[in-house]
Structure formats: C-alpha cells, structure tokens
C-alpha cells in the first residue's frame, strides 16, 4: 500500500453514534491532529440530532450508504448492529473509503470473508476494532511471548466474567441480528488475543449456553426472549502444539469491578508465566518456577504506541488505552500501510467463533484453518 499523499487531515465519518463511538472512537479521533470528524450517521433521528449538536458536526444523515459514496469522506468507522456491517463495509470499500468496523465483523465467516476481500481488492485500509489488543499489559505480554521471554509457549488461558443485568440486550440478544451473544461480543476478542500471541488455532471444541431469558426491558416492559448465548467456552489446539482454554459469561455475580468485570489472559511458557488483567492494564503479573506470580509495572515503551499523543498517566487506565485504536487506524491511512488488526484478523477470529457453535451442535472437534491472504 503506497504512502498517503493527503495534505489535509483524514476526513472521517462515524456510522453509528451509540455508546461505543462516544466512549472509544470520538475521544481517540479528537486526540489526533491528522484526522477530523466530518460526518455522522445513525438510524435513530433523535440520537443523530443530539450527537450532531454535541459533537459539532455539519453533515448528518440516517442513510449510511450516502456517507460511503460521499466525496467529502476518506474513511468510515462502522459501529452499527452486526447484521448491517457487511453491506456498509463492502459499499465503503468499493467506493474507495478506508474502513474500521466493530467486532464481530459479520454474522458468520462467509460475511466476513466478503468484507475482507472487498477491502483487500479495493486497496483500502481495513481494521477490526479489537480494542483490547491496545491494552498496555497485553502489548507487553505479546512482546514477552514473541521475544522468547517466557520460553516456549505451552498454554493460553482466558477468562472474561461480567456481572450484567439480566434484562434485554436489545438487538444484541437475537441471533438474526447479532449472530451470537457472549461468544461474538466478548469471547471473540480473546480468540483474537490468542491467535496474535501464539499463532493459528488448528482445531477447537466448544459450547455455549443461555441462562437468562431477557424477556423484560430495563424498565419492566415485556420483549421477545433472547435466543443467543450468555456463556461460552472452548478448548483449542494451536498449530504449534500449544493448548488454549477460554471461558466467558455475562452472569458472573460479584464480578462488577466498576463495570469493567474480570478479565484474565495468561500464557504459560517453558520458562515463565505472564498475565494481563483489564482492571489493572498498566501492570502485568510475572512468575517463574519456584516463585509466585507478582505484579510488575508495564515498561513505559509499552504504555502506548510510539508517536501517540495520548498521555498514559491521564484518565482511567482501563478506558484510555482504547483511544489508541483510532490512532492506529489513522496512522495506517497516513503512512500508506496495513492496519493491525485487519479484516483478515477479524476473519480468522470469526472462523474459530463459528466453529464453537458448530462444535456445540455436533458435539465434536472442528478444524479451524486460517484464511488465505
């Protein structure tokens, strides 16, 4: 990908203006002098009007394909319901727009493959919003694994426990719109961690379950019950011979932690172990034979990407690292290179997540080959 020749800031449009955009993408964009927000889109006219006033954006529309075709837009960030990702991303790529999209990229790997191939063939920057890759402790854990600091990796272990209300999730609780529940919303992030750290997952067995009916809204009104999982798990074998175990739930009572929940991602190597935790993302746990795991500060060079204007000492640590997602997207556009993580990374995680559903249905192990470039 050739270096960008843009002399002006990258003109970004947000498609979907809900909580994730307000919480992650907007603050990240506002930190970056190389980009500007020029347009927004949301299918909720009331929310759109409120965001337009709050964010001071001149162009606002309820039609996402209008922004995909606009000559006034260079890049789009898609944060809409999962069933809308594919058509918007494909249209944007074919119109020459760079695209970042929330996870899961689609309802299944077939949809995600279409998105990846459209962006690849158009030569645009494409990025999957796997936010937690940017947590300082995760960045340092990756360095330890890749540099051999833990020896030969043997085991990966992930827990993501949330204590969420058992009321309606809205569109997220219906398979036709979300694809799956906890598996696609939360566990897919941890599948991506594992592939990034230890390489391709060769095969898995997995299961999902649903415990909460979610047949009432937060204010007590009845709604159709959920048909997606609120618990998911898998056991995996990596191509290297290493093993992995993942578990996620939204029903772990007592794991609130100010809304961040419990997140634990661990690698056990032949020489040592290391642990990332979301609620203390600037600290890593390290241990070697004969010693207990003990906290150590993440070295300063891993607290943020090189060049990022973010001050890692400012703001809640479990929140502010998320702004680096936008820094990476804009950097890839300006520098004319691929973004990390890409749509292909999103596809490889989706292949594994789909296999969990297939494994549960068939009660068997499923092969999970990586996607071709």
Protein backbone atom coordinates (compact mmCIF):
# COMPACT_ATOMS: atom_id res chain seq x y z
CA UNK A 1 0.00 0.00 0.00
CA UNK A 2 1.54 3.30 -1.09
CA UNK A 3 2.08 6.13 1.35
CA UNK A 4 -0.85 8.51 1.55
CA UNK A 5 -0.49 11.80 -0.33
CA UNK A 6 -3.18 13.55 1.73
CA UNK A 7 -2.05 17.07 2.61
CA UNK A 8 -5.19 17.70 4.68
CA UNK A 9 -6.49 15.78 7.70
CA UNK A 10 -8.11 12.40 7.07
CA UNK A 11 -11.85 13.08 6.83
CA UNK A 12 -13.64 10.51 9.00
CA UNK A 13 -17.34 9.62 9.18
CA UNK A 14 -18.88 7.71 12.08
CA UNK A 15 -21.63 5.31 11.05
CA UNK A 16 -23.40 4.51 14.30
CA UNK A 17 -23.22 7.09 17.10
CA UNK A 18 -24.03 4.98 20.15
CA UNK A 19 -22.05 4.30 23.30
CA UNK A 20 -19.02 2.60 21.74
CA UNK A 21 -18.45 5.51 19.35
CA UNK A 22 -18.84 8.09 22.10
CA UNK A 23 -16.67 6.08 24.51
CA UNK A 24 -13.85 4.88 22.22
CA UNK A 25 -13.77 6.38 18.76
CA UNK A 26 -14.63 10.04 19.29
CA UNK A 27 -12.09 10.70 22.10
CA UNK A 28 -9.43 8.87 20.10
CA UNK A 29 -10.14 10.90 16.99
CA UNK A 30 -10.08 14.17 18.90
CA UNK A 31 -6.59 13.42 20.18
CA UNK A 32 -5.26 13.03 16.64
CA UNK A 33 -4.39 16.21 14.69
CA UNK A 34 -4.06 14.16 11.48
CA UNK A 35 -7.82 13.47 11.27
CA UNK A 36 -11.13 15.24 11.65
CA UNK A 37 -14.75 14.17 12.08
CA UNK A 38 -16.72 15.46 9.09
CA UNK A 39 -19.95 13.46 9.14
CA UNK A 40 -22.08 11.15 11.26
CA UNK A 41 -24.85 8.67 10.57
CA UNK A 42 -27.41 6.94 12.77
CA UNK A 43 -30.78 5.36 12.03
CA UNK A 44 -32.22 6.96 15.20
CA UNK A 45 -33.07 10.54 14.17
CA UNK A 46 -33.29 11.76 17.77
CA UNK A 47 -29.87 10.39 18.70
CA UNK A 48 -28.43 11.69 15.44
CA UNK A 49 -29.69 15.22 16.14
CA UNK A 50 -28.35 15.13 19.67
CA UNK A 51 -24.92 13.89 18.56
CA UNK A 52 -24.75 16.48 15.78
CA UNK A 53 -25.25 19.23 18.33
CA UNK A 54 -22.97 17.69 20.97
CA UNK A 55 -20.14 16.93 18.56
CA UNK A 56 -20.48 20.00 16.32
CA UNK A 57 -20.64 18.07 13.04
CA UNK A 58 -22.00 19.77 9.92
CA UNK A 59 -23.12 16.68 7.98
CA UNK A 60 -25.56 14.17 9.46
CA UNK A 61 -27.70 11.53 7.78
CA UNK A 62 -29.74 8.43 8.57
CA UNK A 63 -28.50 6.75 5.36
CA UNK A 64 -25.12 5.01 5.75
CA UNK A 65 -24.62 4.44 2.03
CA UNK A 66 -24.79 8.20 1.48
CA UNK A 67 -21.61 8.63 3.53
CA UNK A 68 -19.97 5.64 1.85
CA UNK A 69 -20.40 7.38 -1.51
CA UNK A 70 -19.55 10.92 -0.36
CA UNK A 71 -16.58 12.70 -1.93
CA UNK A 72 -16.22 14.58 1.37
CA UNK A 73 -15.30 11.39 3.30
CA UNK A 74 -11.99 9.49 3.25
CA UNK A 75 -12.68 6.88 5.91
CA UNK A 76 -15.61 5.38 7.81
CA UNK A 77 -15.91 3.83 11.26
CA UNK A 78 -18.78 1.34 11.48
CA UNK A 79 -20.39 0.85 14.90
CA UNK A 80 -23.85 -0.42 13.96
CA UNK A 81 -25.74 -3.67 14.66
CA UNK A 82 -23.81 -6.72 13.48
CA UNK A 83 -26.21 -7.63 10.67
CA UNK A 84 -25.54 -4.28 8.96
CA UNK A 85 -21.72 -4.45 8.95
CA UNK A 86 -21.24 -6.39 5.73
CA UNK A 87 -23.30 -4.24 3.33
CA UNK A 88 -21.92 -0.98 4.73
CA UNK A 89 -18.29 -2.13 4.76
CA UNK A 90 -18.47 -3.58 1.26
CA UNK A 91 -20.07 -0.41 -0.12
CA UNK A 92 -17.47 1.77 1.60
CA UNK A 93 -14.54 -0.27 0.33
CA UNK A 94 -15.84 -0.32 -3.23
CA UNK A 95 -16.20 3.46 -3.03
CA UNK A 96 -12.53 3.72 -2.04
CA UNK A 97 -13.08 4.53 1.63
CA UNK A 98 -10.83 3.20 4.37
CA UNK A 99 -12.87 1.15 6.84
CA UNK A 100 -12.71 0.34 10.52
CA UNK A 101 -15.52 -1.87 11.81
CA UNK A 102 -16.63 -3.07 15.21
CA UNK A 103 -16.46 -6.76 16.00
CA UNK A 104 -17.78 -9.22 15.11
CA UNK A 105 -17.31 -8.08 11.54
CA UNK A 106 -20.31 -10.11 10.37
CA UNK A 107 -22.85 -12.74 11.33
CA UNK A 108 -20.55 -15.54 10.18
CA UNK A 109 -17.24 -16.16 8.43
CA UNK A 110 -18.84 -16.11 4.97
CA UNK A 111 -19.98 -12.50 5.51
CA UNK A 112 -16.63 -11.50 6.98
CA UNK A 113 -14.78 -13.04 4.04
CA UNK A 114 -16.80 -10.83 1.67
CA UNK A 115 -15.82 -7.77 3.69
CA UNK A 116 -12.15 -8.71 3.77
CA UNK A 117 -11.99 -9.47 0.05
CA UNK A 118 -13.81 -6.25 -0.88
CA UNK A 119 -11.39 -4.13 1.16
CA UNK A 120 -8.33 -6.09 0.03
CA UNK A 121 -9.31 -5.84 -3.64
CA UNK A 122 -10.05 -2.11 -3.33
CA UNK A 123 -6.64 -1.46 -1.77
CA UNK A 124 -8.09 0.45 1.18
CA UNK A 125 -7.01 0.30 4.81
CA UNK A 126 -9.24 -2.12 6.74
CA UNK A 127 -9.27 -2.61 10.50
CA UNK A 128 -11.16 -4.72 13.03
CA UNK A 129 -11.89 -2.93 16.31
CA UNK A 130 -10.25 -5.49 18.59
CA UNK A 131 -9.78 -2.81 21.24
CA UNK A 132 -8.09 -4.85 23.94
CA UNK A 133 -5.02 -5.52 21.81
CA UNK A 134 -4.05 -1.95 22.73
CA UNK A 135 -4.06 -2.52 26.50
CA UNK A 136 -0.52 -1.86 27.75
CA UNK A 137 -0.23 -5.17 29.62
CA UNK A 138 -1.41 -7.05 26.52
CA UNK A 139 1.14 -5.23 24.37
CA UNK A 140 3.89 -6.15 26.84
CA UNK A 141 2.64 -9.74 27.11
CA UNK A 142 2.92 -10.01 23.33
CA UNK A 143 6.50 -8.74 23.49
CA UNK A 144 7.39 -11.30 26.14
CA UNK A 145 5.91 -14.14 24.09
CA UNK A 146 7.42 -13.09 20.74
CA UNK A 147 10.87 -12.32 22.19
CA UNK A 148 11.11 -15.67 23.97
CA UNK A 149 10.93 -14.08 27.41
CA UNK A 150 8.63 -16.85 28.65
CA UNK A 151 10.39 -19.67 26.81
CA UNK A 152 8.31 -21.90 24.55
CA UNK A 153 4.59 -21.06 24.94
CA UNK A 154 2.62 -24.06 26.16
CA UNK A 155 -0.77 -22.89 27.43
CA UNK A 156 -3.07 -19.92 26.79
CA UNK A 157 -5.88 -19.22 29.27
CA UNK A 158 -8.61 -16.61 29.09
CA UNK A 159 -11.45 -15.64 31.42
CA UNK A 160 -13.92 -12.83 30.77
CA UNK A 161 -16.53 -12.64 33.55
CA UNK A 162 -19.12 -9.85 33.60
CA UNK A 163 -21.91 -9.13 36.07
CA UNK A 164 -24.50 -7.63 33.75
CA UNK A 165 -28.24 -7.12 34.37
CA UNK A 166 -30.47 -9.92 33.12
CA UNK A 167 -32.78 -7.55 31.27
CA UNK A 168 -32.96 -7.08 27.48
CA UNK A 169 -29.82 -6.52 25.40
CA UNK A 170 -31.92 -5.05 22.57
CA UNK A 171 -30.81 -6.22 19.12
CA UNK A 172 -27.78 -7.97 20.66
CA UNK A 173 -29.93 -10.76 22.10
CA UNK A 174 -31.27 -12.03 18.76
CA UNK A 175 -29.22 -14.34 16.57
CA UNK A 176 -30.65 -12.89 13.35
CA UNK A 177 -29.11 -9.50 14.21
CA UNK A 178 -26.12 -10.38 16.40
CA UNK A 179 -25.04 -13.83 15.19
CA UNK A 180 -24.35 -14.97 18.77
CA UNK A 181 -24.22 -13.49 22.24
CA UNK A 182 -21.25 -13.53 24.62
CA UNK A 183 -19.30 -15.63 22.10
CA UNK A 184 -19.36 -12.97 19.37
CA UNK A 185 -19.45 -9.95 21.67
CA UNK A 186 -16.73 -10.80 24.18
CA UNK A 187 -15.04 -14.18 23.67
CA UNK A 188 -14.12 -13.31 20.08
CA UNK A 189 -11.74 -10.63 21.44
CA UNK A 190 -9.95 -13.30 23.46
CA UNK A 191 -9.77 -15.63 20.46
CA UNK A 192 -8.00 -12.80 18.65
CA UNK A 193 -5.60 -12.33 21.60
CA UNK A 194 -4.64 -15.97 21.42
CA UNK A 195 -4.03 -16.08 17.67
CA UNK A 196 -1.95 -12.91 17.87
CA UNK A 197 0.12 -14.29 20.74
CA UNK A 198 0.55 -17.96 19.83
CA UNK A 199 -0.33 -18.21 16.14
CA UNK A 200 -3.07 -20.11 14.30
CA UNK A 201 -5.54 -22.29 16.18
CA UNK A 202 -5.71 -25.63 14.39
CA UNK A 203 -8.86 -27.12 15.94
CA UNK A 204 -11.31 -26.50 18.76
CA UNK A 205 -14.18 -27.96 20.69
CA UNK A 206 -16.64 -25.62 22.31
CA UNK A 207 -20.01 -25.00 23.89
CA UNK A 208 -22.48 -22.21 24.55
CA UNK A 209 -25.41 -21.85 26.94
CA UNK A 210 -28.21 -19.42 27.72
CA UNK A 211 -29.44 -18.94 31.29
CA UNK A 212 -31.19 -15.54 31.34
CA UNK A 213 -34.44 -15.25 29.33
CA UNK A 214 -34.05 -11.46 28.94
CA UNK A 215 -37.77 -11.16 28.27
CA UNK A 216 -38.11 -7.81 30.02
CA UNK A 217 -36.58 -4.42 29.25
CA UNK A 218 -34.78 -2.46 31.95
CA UNK A 219 -38.00 -0.57 32.71
CA UNK A 220 -40.04 -3.79 33.02
CA UNK A 221 -41.77 -3.95 29.65
CA UNK A 222 -42.08 -7.41 28.03
CA UNK A 223 -39.99 -8.22 24.93
CA UNK A 224 -39.24 -11.34 22.88
CA UNK A 225 -36.81 -13.55 24.82
CA UNK A 226 -33.16 -13.91 23.92
CA UNK A 227 -32.04 -16.69 21.57
CA UNK A 228 -28.26 -16.19 21.97
CA UNK A 229 -25.71 -17.42 24.49
CA UNK A 230 -24.76 -15.63 27.69
CA UNK A 231 -21.97 -18.17 28.44
CA UNK A 232 -19.38 -19.57 26.04
CA UNK A 233 -16.26 -21.68 26.26
CA UNK A 234 -13.77 -23.52 24.09
CA UNK A 235 -10.69 -25.69 24.25
CA UNK A 236 -8.21 -25.24 21.42
CA UNK A 237 -5.07 -26.77 19.98
CA UNK A 238 -2.68 -24.35 18.28
CA UNK A 239 -0.73 -25.30 15.16
CA UNK A 240 2.43 -25.10 17.30
CA UNK A 241 1.13 -27.79 19.66
CA UNK A 242 0.27 -25.33 22.44
CA UNK A 243 -3.17 -25.55 24.07
CA UNK A 244 -5.78 -22.96 24.97
CA UNK A 245 -8.83 -22.66 27.23
CA UNK A 246 -11.36 -19.80 27.05
CA UNK A 247 -14.46 -19.04 29.13
CA UNK A 248 -16.76 -16.04 29.04
CA UNK A 249 -20.01 -15.14 30.77
CA UNK A 250 -22.20 -12.12 31.43
CA UNK A 251 -23.74 -13.76 34.51
CA UNK A 252 -20.83 -13.90 36.98
CA UNK A 253 -22.38 -12.33 40.07
CA UNK A 254 -19.92 -10.30 42.09
CA UNK A 255 -17.57 -9.55 39.19
CA UNK A 256 -18.67 -5.96 38.56
CA UNK A 257 -15.41 -4.02 39.08
CA UNK A 258 -16.96 -0.64 38.17
CA UNK A 259 -18.43 -2.17 35.02
CA UNK A 260 -15.10 -3.49 33.68
CA UNK A 261 -15.63 -7.00 35.04
CA UNK A 262 -12.96 -9.66 35.39
CA UNK A 263 -10.53 -10.19 32.53
CA UNK A 264 -7.59 -12.57 32.80
CA UNK A 265 -5.43 -13.63 29.85
CA UNK A 266 -2.45 -15.83 30.66
CA UNK A 267 0.40 -17.52 28.83
CA UNK A 268 2.37 -20.32 30.47
CA UNK A 269 5.73 -20.90 28.81
CA UNK A 270 8.59 -23.31 29.48
CA UNK A 271 10.46 -20.56 31.36
CA UNK A 272 7.74 -18.45 32.92
CA UNK A 273 4.14 -17.22 33.04
CA UNK A 274 2.59 -13.81 32.41
CA UNK A 275 -0.92 -12.43 33.00
CA UNK A 276 -2.83 -9.45 31.57
CA UNK A 277 -5.80 -8.09 33.54
CA UNK A 278 -8.18 -5.42 32.26
CA UNK A 279 -8.83 -3.68 35.59
CA UNK A 280 -5.07 -3.04 36.00
CA UNK A 281 -3.89 -2.72 32.39
CA UNK A 282 -0.68 -0.85 33.26
CA UNK A 283 0.53 -3.73 35.45
CA UNK A 284 1.46 -7.28 34.41
CA UNK A 285 1.79 -10.38 36.59
CA UNK A 286 5.02 -12.33 36.04
CA UNK A 287 6.28 -15.56 37.59
CA UNK A 288 8.91 -18.24 37.14
CA UNK A 289 9.49 -21.69 38.60
CA UNK A 290 9.81 -21.59 42.38
CA UNK A 291 8.24 -18.11 42.65
CA UNK A 292 4.70 -16.76 42.80
CA UNK A 293 3.14 -14.56 40.15
CA UNK A 294 3.84 -10.99 41.21
CA UNK A 295 2.83 -7.59 39.79
CA UNK A 296 5.31 -5.51 37.82
CA UNK A 297 4.72 -2.15 36.09
CA UNK A 298 4.47 -2.31 32.33
CA UNK A 299 7.64 -0.67 30.90
CA UNK A 300 6.98 2.87 29.62
CA UNK A 301 7.57 1.98 25.96
CA UNK A 302 4.57 -0.38 26.04
CA UNK A 303 2.10 2.05 27.63
CA UNK A 304 1.11 3.44 24.22
CA UNK A 305 2.13 3.16 20.55
CA UNK A 306 5.15 5.23 19.51
CA UNK A 307 4.01 8.66 18.41
CA UNK A 308 0.57 8.54 20.01
CA UNK A 309 -0.33 11.89 21.58
CA UNK A 310 -2.20 10.15 24.42
CA UNK A 311 -0.85 10.70 27.94
CA UNK A 312 -0.89 7.25 29.58
CA UNK A 313 -0.90 8.91 33.00
CA UNK A 314 -4.11 10.79 32.29
CA UNK A 315 -7.55 9.23 32.72
CA UNK A 316 -8.77 5.81 33.90
CA UNK A 317 -6.20 3.23 32.69
CA UNK A 318 -8.87 0.69 31.69
CA UNK A 319 -10.53 3.30 29.47
CA UNK A 320 -7.89 5.49 27.84
CA UNK A 321 -5.86 2.80 26.07
CA UNK A 322 -8.91 2.29 23.85
CA UNK A 323 -8.20 5.62 22.15
CA UNK A 324 -5.12 4.08 20.51
CA UNK A 325 -7.41 2.06 18.25
CA UNK A 326 -8.19 5.23 16.29
CA UNK A 327 -4.52 6.27 16.35
CA UNK A 328 -3.58 3.02 14.62
CA UNK A 329 -6.33 3.40 12.01
CA UNK A 330 -5.32 6.95 11.10
CA UNK A 331 -1.62 6.04 11.19
CA UNK A 332 -2.15 3.24 8.69
CA UNK A 333 -4.01 5.61 6.35
CA UNK A 334 -1.42 8.40 6.62
CA UNK A 335 1.55 6.03 6.33
CA UNK A 336 0.06 4.00 3.48
CA UNK A 337 0.33 0.65 5.25
CA UNK A 338 -1.93 -2.10 6.53
CA UNK A 339 -3.72 -1.55 9.84
CA UNK A 340 -3.35 -4.00 12.71
CA UNK A 341 -5.63 -5.78 13.46
CA UNK A 342 -7.03 -6.07 9.95
CA UNK A 343 -10.21 -7.57 8.49
CA UNK A 344 -8.19 -10.74 7.93
CA UNK A 345 -7.55 -10.89 11.67
CA UNK A 346 -11.27 -10.43 12.18
CA UNK A 347 -11.94 -13.26 9.73
CA UNK A 348 -9.56 -15.66 11.46
CA UNK A 349 -11.19 -14.98 14.83
CA UNK A 350 -14.63 -15.42 13.24
CA UNK A 351 -13.69 -18.80 11.77
CA UNK A 352 -12.90 -20.01 15.29
CA UNK A 353 -16.00 -18.44 16.84
CA UNK A 354 -18.23 -20.04 14.19
CA UNK A 355 -16.56 -23.37 14.94
CA UNK A 356 -17.64 -23.08 18.61
CA UNK A 357 -21.29 -23.06 17.51
CA UNK A 358 -20.69 -25.92 15.09
CA UNK A 359 -18.81 -27.92 17.72
CA UNK A 360 -21.62 -27.46 20.23
CA UNK A 361 -24.23 -28.58 17.69
CA UNK A 362 -22.22 -31.62 16.59
CA UNK A 363 -20.62 -32.40 19.99
CA UNK A 364 -17.28 -32.79 18.21
CA UNK A 365 -13.90 -31.18 17.48
CA UNK A 366 -13.79 -28.81 14.48
CA UNK A 367 -10.78 -27.87 12.34
CA UNK A 368 -10.19 -24.11 12.07
CA UNK A 369 -7.89 -23.34 9.13
CA UNK A 370 -6.63 -19.77 8.79
CA UNK A 371 -7.90 -17.56 5.99
CA UNK A 372 -5.73 -17.17 2.90
CA UNK A 373 -4.31 -13.65 2.32
